[in-house]
Amino acid sequence: MMLDRGTMLIKSPLSKGEGQCIKRRDLVEALAKDLPQGTVRFGCRVISVKLDPVTSYAALELQNGIVIKAKVLIGCDGANSVVLKYFRMKPTKFSATSAIRGFTSHPEGHEFKNLFIIPRKEQVLLGRVPVNDTLVYWFVTRLWKSIDSEISKNQELIKMSSLETTHDFPEETKEMMVVILLEIRLSCPLGFNARELQ
């Protein structure tokens, strides 16, 4: 569907029970609660991974000096992954795209339908999906700017940048950036990893 001024709008329904947007922290906590106590450690930073010569298990050294041996190692530690280096995968590549993402609270409820909405105008995407009746997840992707490294540390500057980037978009798609923001982040530039081994 094309909107005025060359803006394209994509709507994708989220069927009840088949698609759900949730906060990452809520997902991790829900998965962790059914595991034995101490299995999941929050707030730990892995600084190196080596192969234990005796057991052939991965030995993870944490920032606090503790070493954990693991039969299974799943790397979901981001674009600058220590696990990625351990598996000798191709290095992180960076795109020319930045992403601003956030959660907006609507204490009295919102009227957004259970749709994944993505308006697009030139090099800018603005996505929105309800998490529940009072919480909405949204994102803006755009070309990376040299100032992004500076503004990524300031919530108000990130908010201003997202509003400036989407000034041509319909008001209903931008309103989530001006009501109560629970969280807003800027990733610049976006990194990704190739899957094939070197």
N, C-alpha and C. Protein backbone atom coordinates (compact mmCIF):
# COMPACT_ATOMS: atom_id res chain seq x y z
N MET A 1 0.84 -1.17 0.00
CA MET A 1 0.00 0.00 0.00
C MET A 1 0.89 1.24 0.00
N MET A 2 0.64 2.16 -0.90
CA MET A 2 1.41 3.40 -0.96
C MET A 2 0.64 4.52 -0.25
N LEU A 3 1.33 5.25 0.61
CA LEU A 3 0.75 6.42 1.24
C LEU A 3 1.19 7.65 0.46
N ASP A 4 0.70 8.82 0.87
CA ASP A 4 1.09 10.05 0.18
C ASP A 4 2.58 10.32 0.31
N ARG A 5 3.12 11.12 -0.60
CA ARG A 5 4.53 11.52 -0.64
C ARG A 5 5.48 10.33 -0.77
N GLY A 6 5.06 9.26 -1.43
CA GLY A 6 5.96 8.15 -1.70
C GLY A 6 6.27 7.25 -0.53
N THR A 7 5.47 7.32 0.53
CA THR A 7 5.69 6.45 1.68
C THR A 7 4.98 5.13 1.44
N MET A 8 5.68 4.03 1.60
CA MET A 8 5.09 2.71 1.43
C MET A 8 4.74 2.15 2.80
N LEU A 9 3.60 1.47 2.93
CA LEU A 9 3.16 0.91 4.20
C LEU A 9 2.93 -0.58 4.05
N ILE A 10 3.56 -1.35 4.93
CA ILE A 10 3.36 -2.80 4.94
C ILE A 10 2.66 -3.15 6.24
N LYS A 11 1.57 -3.92 6.17
CA LYS A 11 0.87 -4.39 7.36
C LYS A 11 0.87 -5.90 7.34
N SER A 12 1.27 -6.50 8.45
CA SER A 12 1.29 -7.95 8.56
C SER A 12 0.59 -8.35 9.85
N PRO A 13 -0.52 -9.12 9.75
CA PRO A 13 -1.24 -9.50 10.97
C PRO A 13 -0.44 -10.47 11.82
N LEU A 14 -0.58 -10.34 13.14
CA LEU A 14 0.00 -11.29 14.08
C LEU A 14 -1.16 -12.12 14.61
N SER A 15 -1.27 -13.36 14.15
CA SER A 15 -2.36 -14.21 14.58
C SER A 15 -2.26 -14.49 16.07
N LYS A 16 -3.40 -14.57 16.73
CA LYS A 16 -3.39 -14.85 18.16
C LYS A 16 -2.75 -16.21 18.40
N GLY A 17 -1.76 -16.25 19.26
CA GLY A 17 -1.09 -17.50 19.61
C GLY A 17 0.05 -17.87 18.68
N GLU A 18 0.19 -17.22 17.51
CA GLU A 18 1.24 -17.59 16.57
C GLU A 18 2.39 -16.61 16.52
N GLY A 19 2.12 -15.38 16.80
CA GLY A 19 3.17 -14.36 16.79
C GLY A 19 3.02 -13.47 18.00
N GLN A 20 4.12 -13.18 18.65
CA GLN A 20 4.06 -12.34 19.85
C GLN A 20 5.35 -11.56 19.98
N CYS A 21 5.23 -10.31 20.30
CA CYS A 21 6.40 -9.48 20.58
C CYS A 21 6.57 -9.41 22.09
N ILE A 22 7.75 -9.76 22.58
CA ILE A 22 8.02 -9.68 24.01
C ILE A 22 9.38 -9.05 24.23
N LYS A 23 9.59 -8.53 25.43
CA LYS A 23 10.88 -7.96 25.77
C LYS A 23 11.88 -9.10 25.98
N ARG A 24 13.09 -8.92 25.50
CA ARG A 24 14.12 -9.95 25.59
C ARG A 24 14.33 -10.41 27.04
N ARG A 25 14.40 -9.45 27.96
CA ARG A 25 14.61 -9.78 29.37
C ARG A 25 13.50 -10.70 29.89
N ASP A 26 12.24 -10.43 29.51
CA ASP A 26 11.12 -11.27 29.94
C ASP A 26 11.26 -12.69 29.39
N LEU A 27 11.69 -12.82 28.13
CA LEU A 27 11.89 -14.13 27.54
C LEU A 27 12.99 -14.91 28.26
N VAL A 28 14.12 -14.27 28.48
CA VAL A 28 15.25 -14.94 29.14
C VAL A 28 14.85 -15.37 30.55
N GLU A 29 14.17 -14.50 31.29
CA GLU A 29 13.76 -14.84 32.64
C GLU A 29 12.75 -15.98 32.64
N ALA A 30 11.84 -16.01 31.67
CA ALA A 30 10.86 -17.09 31.58
C ALA A 30 11.53 -18.43 31.29
N LEU A 31 12.52 -18.42 30.40
CA LEU A 31 13.24 -19.65 30.08
C LEU A 31 14.11 -20.10 31.25
N ALA A 32 14.73 -19.15 31.93
CA ALA A 32 15.66 -19.47 33.02
C ALA A 32 14.95 -20.02 34.26
N LYS A 33 13.71 -19.63 34.49
CA LYS A 33 13.04 -20.03 35.74
C LYS A 33 12.82 -21.54 35.83
N ASP A 34 12.79 -22.24 34.71
CA ASP A 34 12.57 -23.69 34.73
C ASP A 34 13.87 -24.49 34.75
N LEU A 35 15.00 -23.81 34.76
CA LEU A 35 16.30 -24.48 34.80
C LEU A 35 16.78 -24.59 36.25
N PRO A 36 17.67 -25.52 36.52
CA PRO A 36 18.20 -25.63 37.88
C PRO A 36 18.87 -24.33 38.33
N GLN A 37 18.76 -24.06 39.63
CA GLN A 37 19.35 -22.84 40.21
C GLN A 37 20.82 -22.72 39.83
N GLY A 38 21.24 -21.54 39.40
CA GLY A 38 22.64 -21.30 39.06
C GLY A 38 23.02 -21.65 37.63
N THR A 39 22.09 -22.22 36.85
CA THR A 39 22.38 -22.58 35.46
C THR A 39 22.61 -21.35 34.60
N VAL A 40 21.78 -20.35 34.80
CA VAL A 40 21.89 -19.11 34.04
C VAL A 40 22.48 -18.04 34.94
N ARG A 41 23.47 -17.34 34.45
CA ARG A 41 24.11 -16.27 35.21
C ARG A 41 23.90 -14.96 34.47
N PHE A 42 23.21 -14.05 35.11
CA PHE A 42 22.95 -12.75 34.50
C PHE A 42 24.08 -11.79 34.84
N GLY A 43 24.34 -10.85 33.95
CA GLY A 43 25.33 -9.82 34.20
C GLY A 43 26.77 -10.31 34.11
N CYS A 44 26.98 -11.46 33.48
CA CYS A 44 28.34 -11.99 33.33
C CYS A 44 28.84 -11.66 31.93
N ARG A 45 30.11 -11.31 31.86
CA ARG A 45 30.70 -11.02 30.55
C ARG A 45 31.80 -12.02 30.28
N VAL A 46 31.67 -12.73 29.16
CA VAL A 46 32.69 -13.69 28.76
C VAL A 46 33.83 -12.93 28.10
N ILE A 47 35.07 -13.14 28.58
CA ILE A 47 36.20 -12.43 27.98
C ILE A 47 37.05 -13.35 27.10
N SER A 48 36.94 -14.68 27.31
CA SER A 48 37.65 -15.60 26.42
C SER A 48 37.00 -16.98 26.48
N VAL A 49 37.18 -17.71 25.39
CA VAL A 49 36.72 -19.10 25.30
C VAL A 49 37.88 -19.92 24.79
N LYS A 50 38.18 -21.02 25.50
CA LYS A 50 39.24 -21.93 25.07
C LYS A 50 38.72 -23.36 25.17
N LEU A 51 39.36 -24.25 24.47
CA LEU A 51 39.00 -25.66 24.54
C LEU A 51 39.78 -26.31 25.68
N ASP A 52 39.06 -26.95 26.60
CA ASP A 52 39.72 -27.66 27.70
C ASP A 52 40.35 -28.92 27.13
N PRO A 53 41.69 -29.10 27.23
CA PRO A 53 42.36 -30.25 26.59
C PRO A 53 42.00 -31.60 27.22
N VAL A 54 41.57 -31.60 28.46
CA VAL A 54 41.23 -32.86 29.15
C VAL A 54 39.82 -33.31 28.81
N THR A 55 38.84 -32.39 28.91
CA THR A 55 37.44 -32.77 28.73
C THR A 55 36.91 -32.48 27.32
N SER A 56 37.62 -31.67 26.55
CA SER A 56 37.17 -31.18 25.24
C SER A 56 35.92 -30.30 25.35
N TYR A 57 35.66 -29.77 26.54
CA TYR A 57 34.56 -28.83 26.73
C TYR A 57 35.07 -27.42 26.49
N ALA A 58 34.16 -26.54 26.19
CA ALA A 58 34.51 -25.12 26.08
C ALA A 58 34.71 -24.58 27.49
N ALA A 59 35.81 -23.88 27.70
CA ALA A 59 36.09 -23.24 28.99
C ALA A 59 35.93 -21.74 28.80
N LEU A 60 34.92 -21.16 29.46
CA LEU A 60 34.61 -19.75 29.33
C LEU A 60 35.18 -19.00 30.53
N GLU A 61 36.03 -18.03 30.26
CA GLU A 61 36.55 -17.19 31.34
C GLU A 61 35.69 -15.93 31.42
N LEU A 62 35.15 -15.68 32.62
CA LEU A 62 34.30 -14.51 32.82
C LEU A 62 35.13 -13.33 33.29
N GLN A 63 34.57 -12.15 33.18
CA GLN A 63 35.28 -10.93 33.56
C GLN A 63 35.69 -10.93 35.03
N ASN A 64 34.91 -11.61 35.87
CA ASN A 64 35.22 -11.66 37.30
C ASN A 64 36.24 -12.76 37.65
N GLY A 65 36.81 -13.42 36.63
CA GLY A 65 37.85 -14.43 36.85
C GLY A 65 37.35 -15.86 36.95
N ILE A 66 36.06 -16.06 37.09
CA ILE A 66 35.49 -17.41 37.18
C ILE A 66 35.58 -18.08 35.81
N VAL A 67 35.89 -19.39 35.82
CA VAL A 67 35.94 -20.18 34.59
C VAL A 67 34.81 -21.20 34.64
N ILE A 68 34.02 -21.24 33.58
CA ILE A 68 32.90 -22.19 33.48
C ILE A 68 33.19 -23.13 32.32
N LYS A 69 33.01 -24.45 32.57
CA LYS A 69 33.16 -25.42 31.48
C LYS A 69 31.77 -25.82 31.01
N ALA A 70 31.61 -25.90 29.69
CA ALA A 70 30.29 -26.17 29.11
C ALA A 70 30.37 -27.21 28.02
N LYS A 71 29.45 -28.19 28.08
CA LYS A 71 29.35 -29.18 27.00
C LYS A 71 28.79 -28.54 25.74
N VAL A 72 27.85 -27.61 25.94
CA VAL A 72 27.20 -26.92 24.82
C VAL A 72 27.45 -25.43 24.96
N LEU A 73 27.84 -24.80 23.87
CA LEU A 73 28.10 -23.37 23.86
C LEU A 73 27.27 -22.73 22.76
N ILE A 74 26.37 -21.84 23.16
CA ILE A 74 25.52 -21.14 22.20
C ILE A 74 25.95 -19.69 22.18
N GLY A 75 26.33 -19.20 21.02
CA GLY A 75 26.80 -17.82 20.92
C GLY A 75 25.68 -16.86 20.55
N CYS A 76 25.24 -16.11 21.51
CA CYS A 76 24.25 -15.06 21.24
C CYS A 76 24.70 -13.79 21.96
N ASP A 77 25.99 -13.53 21.86
CA ASP A 77 26.58 -12.41 22.60
C ASP A 77 26.88 -11.22 21.70
N GLY A 78 26.18 -11.10 20.58
CA GLY A 78 26.26 -9.90 19.77
C GLY A 78 27.30 -9.92 18.67
N ALA A 79 27.37 -8.79 17.99
CA ALA A 79 28.24 -8.66 16.82
C ALA A 79 29.73 -8.73 17.17
N ASN A 80 30.10 -8.33 18.37
CA ASN A 80 31.50 -8.39 18.81
C ASN A 80 31.73 -9.63 19.66
N SER A 81 31.20 -10.73 19.23
CA SER A 81 31.12 -11.97 19.99
C SER A 81 32.46 -12.64 20.25
N VAL A 82 32.69 -12.96 21.52
CA VAL A 82 33.85 -13.76 21.91
C VAL A 82 33.66 -15.19 21.41
N VAL A 83 32.42 -15.67 21.47
CA VAL A 83 32.10 -17.02 21.00
C VAL A 83 32.34 -17.13 19.50
N LEU A 84 32.00 -16.10 18.76
CA LEU A 84 32.24 -16.06 17.32
C LEU A 84 33.72 -16.24 17.01
N LYS A 85 34.55 -15.55 17.76
CA LYS A 85 36.00 -15.67 17.56
C LYS A 85 36.48 -17.08 17.88
N TYR A 86 35.90 -17.68 18.93
CA TYR A 86 36.27 -19.03 19.31
C TYR A 86 35.98 -20.02 18.17
N PHE A 87 34.87 -19.85 17.51
CA PHE A 87 34.49 -20.75 16.40
C PHE A 87 35.18 -20.37 15.09
N ARG A 88 36.01 -19.34 15.11
CA ARG A 88 36.78 -18.88 13.95
C ARG A 88 35.89 -18.56 12.75
N MET A 89 34.76 -17.94 13.04
CA MET A 89 33.88 -17.52 11.95
C MET A 89 34.39 -16.21 11.38
N LYS A 90 33.85 -15.83 10.25
CA LYS A 90 34.27 -14.59 9.62
C LYS A 90 34.01 -13.42 10.56
N PRO A 91 34.84 -12.39 10.50
CA PRO A 91 34.67 -11.26 11.41
C PRO A 91 33.38 -10.49 11.17
N THR A 92 32.99 -9.74 12.17
CA THR A 92 31.79 -8.92 12.09
C THR A 92 31.92 -7.90 10.96
N LYS A 93 30.83 -7.76 10.22
CA LYS A 93 30.75 -6.73 9.19
C LYS A 93 29.74 -5.71 9.66
N PHE A 94 29.93 -4.48 9.26
CA PHE A 94 29.01 -3.43 9.66
C PHE A 94 28.32 -2.85 8.44
N SER A 95 27.02 -2.65 8.58
CA SER A 95 26.26 -2.04 7.49
C SER A 95 26.29 -0.53 7.66
N ALA A 96 25.74 0.15 6.70
CA ALA A 96 25.67 1.61 6.77
C ALA A 96 24.37 2.06 7.43
N THR A 97 23.74 1.14 8.17
CA THR A 97 22.44 1.40 8.77
C THR A 97 22.53 1.49 10.28
N SER A 98 21.80 2.44 10.85
CA SER A 98 21.63 2.54 12.30
C SER A 98 20.19 2.18 12.63
N ALA A 99 19.97 1.71 13.85
CA ALA A 99 18.61 1.39 14.29
C ALA A 99 18.35 2.06 15.63
N ILE A 100 17.21 2.70 15.73
CA ILE A 100 16.73 3.23 17.00
C ILE A 100 15.53 2.37 17.36
N ARG A 101 15.51 1.87 18.59
CA ARG A 101 14.38 1.02 18.98
C ARG A 101 13.96 1.36 20.40
N GLY A 102 12.69 1.14 20.67
CA GLY A 102 12.20 1.49 22.00
C GLY A 102 10.89 0.81 22.33
N PHE A 103 10.52 0.95 23.58
CA PHE A 103 9.23 0.50 24.09
C PHE A 103 8.49 1.74 24.59
N THR A 104 7.23 1.84 24.24
CA THR A 104 6.41 2.96 24.69
C THR A 104 5.25 2.42 25.51
N SER A 105 5.04 3.04 26.67
CA SER A 105 3.96 2.64 27.57
C SER A 105 2.73 3.51 27.32
N HIS A 106 1.59 2.86 27.29
CA HIS A 106 0.29 3.53 27.18
C HIS A 106 -0.52 3.08 28.39
N PRO A 107 -0.35 3.72 29.55
CA PRO A 107 -0.99 3.24 30.78
C PRO A 107 -2.51 3.07 30.69
N GLU A 108 -3.15 3.91 29.88
CA GLU A 108 -4.60 3.80 29.72
C GLU A 108 -4.98 2.86 28.57
N GLY A 109 -3.98 2.23 27.96
CA GLY A 109 -4.22 1.34 26.83
C GLY A 109 -4.02 2.07 25.51
N HIS A 110 -3.74 1.31 24.46
CA HIS A 110 -3.59 1.89 23.13
C HIS A 110 -4.63 1.27 22.21
N GLU A 111 -4.78 1.86 21.04
CA GLU A 111 -5.78 1.37 20.09
C GLU A 111 -5.16 0.67 18.90
N PHE A 112 -3.87 0.32 18.99
CA PHE A 112 -3.21 -0.34 17.88
C PHE A 112 -3.73 -1.76 17.73
N LYS A 113 -4.01 -2.15 16.50
CA LYS A 113 -4.44 -3.53 16.24
C LYS A 113 -3.24 -4.45 16.33
N ASN A 114 -3.49 -5.73 16.41
CA ASN A 114 -2.42 -6.73 16.52
C ASN A 114 -1.78 -6.93 15.14
N LEU A 115 -1.13 -5.85 14.65
CA LEU A 115 -0.49 -5.85 13.34
C LEU A 115 0.96 -5.41 13.49
N PHE A 116 1.81 -5.95 12.64
CA PHE A 116 3.18 -5.49 12.53
C PHE A 116 3.17 -4.46 11.40
N ILE A 117 3.33 -3.20 11.72
CA ILE A 117 3.24 -2.10 10.76
C ILE A 117 4.64 -1.61 10.40
N ILE A 118 4.92 -1.50 9.11
CA ILE A 118 6.22 -0.98 8.67
C ILE A 118 6.02 0.04 7.55
N PRO A 119 5.95 1.34 7.89
CA PRO A 119 5.98 2.35 6.83
C PRO A 119 7.43 2.54 6.37
N ARG A 120 7.62 2.75 5.08
CA ARG A 120 8.97 2.96 4.53
C ARG A 120 8.94 4.19 3.63
N LYS A 121 9.95 5.03 3.82
CA LYS A 121 10.09 6.20 2.95
C LYS A 121 11.57 6.34 2.63
N GLU A 122 11.92 6.17 1.38
CA GLU A 122 13.30 6.23 0.92
C GLU A 122 14.17 5.28 1.74
N GLN A 123 15.15 5.80 2.49
CA GLN A 123 16.07 4.95 3.25
C GLN A 123 15.64 4.73 4.70
N VAL A 124 14.40 5.08 5.04
CA VAL A 124 13.95 5.01 6.43
C VAL A 124 12.81 4.01 6.58
N LEU A 125 12.94 3.11 7.56
CA LEU A 125 11.87 2.19 7.94
C LEU A 125 11.43 2.54 9.36
N LEU A 126 10.13 2.49 9.61
CA LEU A 126 9.60 2.70 10.95
C LEU A 126 8.67 1.54 11.24
N GLY A 127 9.02 0.70 12.20
CA GLY A 127 8.19 -0.46 12.51
C GLY A 127 7.52 -0.33 13.86
N ARG A 128 6.33 -0.94 13.97
CA ARG A 128 5.59 -0.90 15.22
C ARG A 128 4.86 -2.22 15.40
N VAL A 129 4.92 -2.76 16.63
CA VAL A 129 4.16 -3.96 16.95
C VAL A 129 3.76 -3.90 18.42
N PRO A 130 2.48 -4.13 18.73
CA PRO A 130 2.05 -4.14 20.13
C PRO A 130 2.64 -5.35 20.86
N VAL A 131 3.05 -5.13 22.11
CA VAL A 131 3.50 -6.23 22.97
C VAL A 131 2.30 -6.75 23.76
N ASN A 132 1.53 -5.82 24.30
CA ASN A 132 0.29 -6.16 25.00
C ASN A 132 -0.63 -4.94 24.91
N ASP A 133 -1.66 -4.87 25.76
CA ASP A 133 -2.63 -3.78 25.67
C ASP A 133 -2.08 -2.42 26.08
N THR A 134 -0.93 -2.39 26.78
CA THR A 134 -0.40 -1.11 27.25
C THR A 134 1.05 -0.85 26.82
N LEU A 135 1.66 -1.75 26.08
CA LEU A 135 3.06 -1.62 25.70
C LEU A 135 3.23 -1.84 24.20
N VAL A 136 4.01 -0.96 23.55
CA VAL A 136 4.26 -1.05 22.11
C VAL A 136 5.76 -1.01 21.87
N TYR A 137 6.25 -1.95 21.03
CA TYR A 137 7.65 -1.96 20.60
C TYR A 137 7.72 -1.26 19.25
N TRP A 138 8.75 -0.44 19.04
CA TRP A 138 8.91 0.25 17.77
C TRP A 138 10.38 0.36 17.42
N PHE A 139 10.65 0.59 16.12
CA PHE A 139 12.02 0.80 15.67
C PHE A 139 12.04 1.72 14.47
N VAL A 140 13.18 2.39 14.29
CA VAL A 140 13.44 3.22 13.11
C VAL A 140 14.81 2.81 12.60
N THR A 141 14.91 2.49 11.32
CA THR A 141 16.22 2.25 10.73
C THR A 141 16.46 3.33 9.68
N ARG A 142 17.70 3.76 9.61
CA ARG A 142 18.09 4.81 8.67
C ARG A 142 19.57 4.71 8.41
N LEU A 143 20.06 5.49 7.46
CA LEU A 143 21.49 5.48 7.18
C LEU A 143 22.25 6.02 8.40
N TRP A 144 23.40 5.41 8.66
CA TRP A 144 24.25 5.81 9.78
C TRP A 144 24.77 7.22 9.55
N LYS A 145 24.85 7.99 10.63
CA LYS A 145 25.41 9.34 10.59
C LYS A 145 26.58 9.40 11.56
N SER A 146 27.56 10.22 11.29
CA SER A 146 28.74 10.30 12.15
C SER A 146 28.40 10.75 13.56
N ILE A 147 27.32 11.48 13.74
CA ILE A 147 26.93 11.96 15.07
C ILE A 147 26.30 10.85 15.93
N ASP A 148 25.94 9.70 15.32
CA ASP A 148 25.26 8.62 16.04
C ASP A 148 26.06 8.12 17.24
N SER A 149 27.37 8.06 17.11
CA SER A 149 28.19 7.58 18.23
C SER A 149 28.02 8.48 19.45
N GLU A 150 27.87 9.77 19.23
CA GLU A 150 27.68 10.72 20.34
C GLU A 150 26.27 10.65 20.92
N ILE A 151 25.27 10.66 20.05
CA ILE A 151 23.90 10.70 20.56
C ILE A 151 23.45 9.38 21.17
N SER A 152 24.16 8.29 20.87
CA SER A 152 23.77 6.97 21.39
C SER A 152 23.83 6.91 22.92
N LYS A 153 24.46 7.88 23.55
CA LYS A 153 24.60 7.90 25.01
C LYS A 153 23.55 8.78 25.69
N ASN A 154 22.67 9.42 24.91
CA ASN A 154 21.73 10.38 25.46
C ASN A 154 20.30 10.07 24.99
N GLN A 155 19.44 9.64 25.92
CA GLN A 155 18.07 9.25 25.58
C GLN A 155 17.29 10.36 24.87
N GLU A 156 17.42 11.60 25.33
CA GLU A 156 16.68 12.71 24.73
C GLU A 156 17.15 12.99 23.30
N LEU A 157 18.47 12.90 23.06
CA LEU A 157 18.99 13.11 21.71
C LEU A 157 18.56 11.99 20.77
N ILE A 158 18.49 10.77 21.28
CA ILE A 158 18.02 9.64 20.46
C ILE A 158 16.56 9.88 20.06
N LYS A 159 15.76 10.29 21.04
CA LYS A 159 14.34 10.57 20.76
C LYS A 159 14.21 11.68 19.71
N MET A 160 14.97 12.76 19.87
CA MET A 160 14.92 13.86 18.90
C MET A 160 15.35 13.39 17.52
N SER A 161 16.37 12.53 17.45
CA SER A 161 16.85 12.02 16.17
C SER A 161 15.78 11.17 15.50
N SER A 162 15.08 10.33 16.29
CA SER A 162 14.05 9.48 15.69
C SER A 162 12.89 10.32 15.16
N LEU A 163 12.52 11.39 15.88
CA LEU A 163 11.45 12.27 15.42
C LEU A 163 11.87 13.05 14.17
N GLU A 164 13.12 13.50 14.16
CA GLU A 164 13.64 14.23 13.00
C GLU A 164 13.69 13.32 11.77
N THR A 165 14.11 12.07 11.96
CA THR A 165 14.22 11.11 10.86
C THR A 165 12.86 10.79 10.26
N THR A 166 11.81 10.79 11.09
CA THR A 166 10.48 10.38 10.63
C THR A 166 9.53 11.57 10.45
N HIS A 167 10.06 12.78 10.29
CA HIS A 167 9.20 13.97 10.22
C HIS A 167 8.20 13.91 9.06
N ASP A 168 8.49 13.18 7.99
CA ASP A 168 7.58 13.07 6.84
C ASP A 168 6.54 11.96 6.99
N PHE A 169 6.63 11.17 8.05
CA PHE A 169 5.73 10.03 8.22
C PHE A 169 4.39 10.47 8.81
N PRO A 170 3.34 9.67 8.59
CA PRO A 170 2.03 10.02 9.17
C PRO A 170 2.13 10.14 10.70
N GLU A 171 1.34 11.07 11.25
CA GLU A 171 1.39 11.34 12.70
C GLU A 171 1.12 10.10 13.54
N GLU A 172 0.17 9.26 13.11
CA GLU A 172 -0.17 8.09 13.94
C GLU A 172 1.01 7.12 14.10
N THR A 173 1.92 7.09 13.13
CA THR A 173 3.07 6.19 13.26
C THR A 173 4.16 6.78 14.14
N LYS A 174 4.15 8.12 14.33
CA LYS A 174 5.19 8.77 15.13
C LYS A 174 4.78 9.00 16.58
N GLU A 175 3.48 8.92 16.88
CA GLU A 175 3.02 9.28 18.23
C GLU A 175 3.64 8.43 19.32
N MET A 176 4.06 7.21 18.99
CA MET A 176 4.65 6.34 20.02
C MET A 176 6.00 6.86 20.50
N MET A 177 6.61 7.76 19.75
CA MET A 177 7.91 8.30 20.14
C MET A 177 7.79 9.49 21.09
N VAL A 178 6.58 10.00 21.29
CA VAL A 178 6.42 11.18 22.12
C VAL A 178 5.65 10.92 23.41
N VAL A 179 4.99 9.77 23.51
CA VAL A 179 4.33 9.44 24.78
C VAL A 179 5.35 8.82 25.72
N ILE A 180 4.91 8.13 26.76
CA ILE A 180 5.83 7.65 27.80
C ILE A 180 6.76 6.57 27.26
N LEU A 181 8.05 6.93 27.14
CA LEU A 181 9.06 5.98 26.67
C LEU A 181 9.64 5.23 27.85
N LEU A 182 9.59 3.91 27.80
CA LEU A 182 10.19 3.11 28.85
C LEU A 182 11.67 2.86 28.58
N GLU A 183 11.99 2.74 27.32
CA GLU A 183 13.36 2.38 26.95
C GLU A 183 13.57 2.82 25.52
N ILE A 184 14.74 3.35 25.23
CA ILE A 184 15.08 3.71 23.85
C ILE A 184 16.58 3.50 23.66
N ARG A 185 16.97 2.89 22.55
CA ARG A 185 18.39 2.61 22.28
C ARG A 185 18.72 2.92 20.85
N LEU A 186 19.98 3.25 20.62
CA LEU A 186 20.48 3.48 19.27
C LEU A 186 21.63 2.53 19.04
N SER A 187 21.54 1.72 18.00
CA SER A 187 22.63 0.83 17.60
C SER A 187 23.25 1.40 16.35
N CYS A 188 24.55 1.70 16.41
CA CYS A 188 25.17 2.33 15.26
C CYS A 188 26.61 1.86 15.08
N PRO A 189 26.99 1.53 13.88
CA PRO A 189 26.12 1.00 12.84
C PRO A 189 25.75 -0.43 13.18
N LEU A 190 24.76 -0.99 12.49
CA LEU A 190 24.35 -2.37 12.76
C LEU A 190 25.44 -3.33 12.31
N GLY A 191 25.74 -4.32 13.14
CA GLY A 191 26.73 -5.33 12.80
C GLY A 191 26.06 -6.66 12.51
N PHE A 192 26.70 -7.47 11.70
CA PHE A 192 26.19 -8.81 11.41
C PHE A 192 27.34 -9.74 11.17
N ASN A 193 27.08 -11.02 11.29
CA ASN A 193 28.12 -12.02 11.12
C ASN A 193 27.74 -13.00 10.03
N ALA A 194 28.74 -13.36 9.23
CA ALA A 194 28.54 -14.38 8.20
C ALA A 194 28.52 -15.74 8.86
N ARG A 195 27.77 -16.68 8.33
CA ARG A 195 27.63 -17.98 8.96
C ARG A 195 28.71 -18.97 8.57
N GLU A 196 29.22 -18.84 7.36
CA GLU A 196 30.20 -19.84 6.92
C GLU A 196 31.54 -19.68 7.63
N LEU A 197 32.24 -20.78 7.82
CA LEU A 197 33.54 -20.75 8.48
C LEU A 197 34.60 -20.26 7.53
N GLN A 198 35.67 -19.69 8.10
CA GLN A 198 36.78 -19.22 7.25
C GLN A 198 37.59 -20.42 6.78
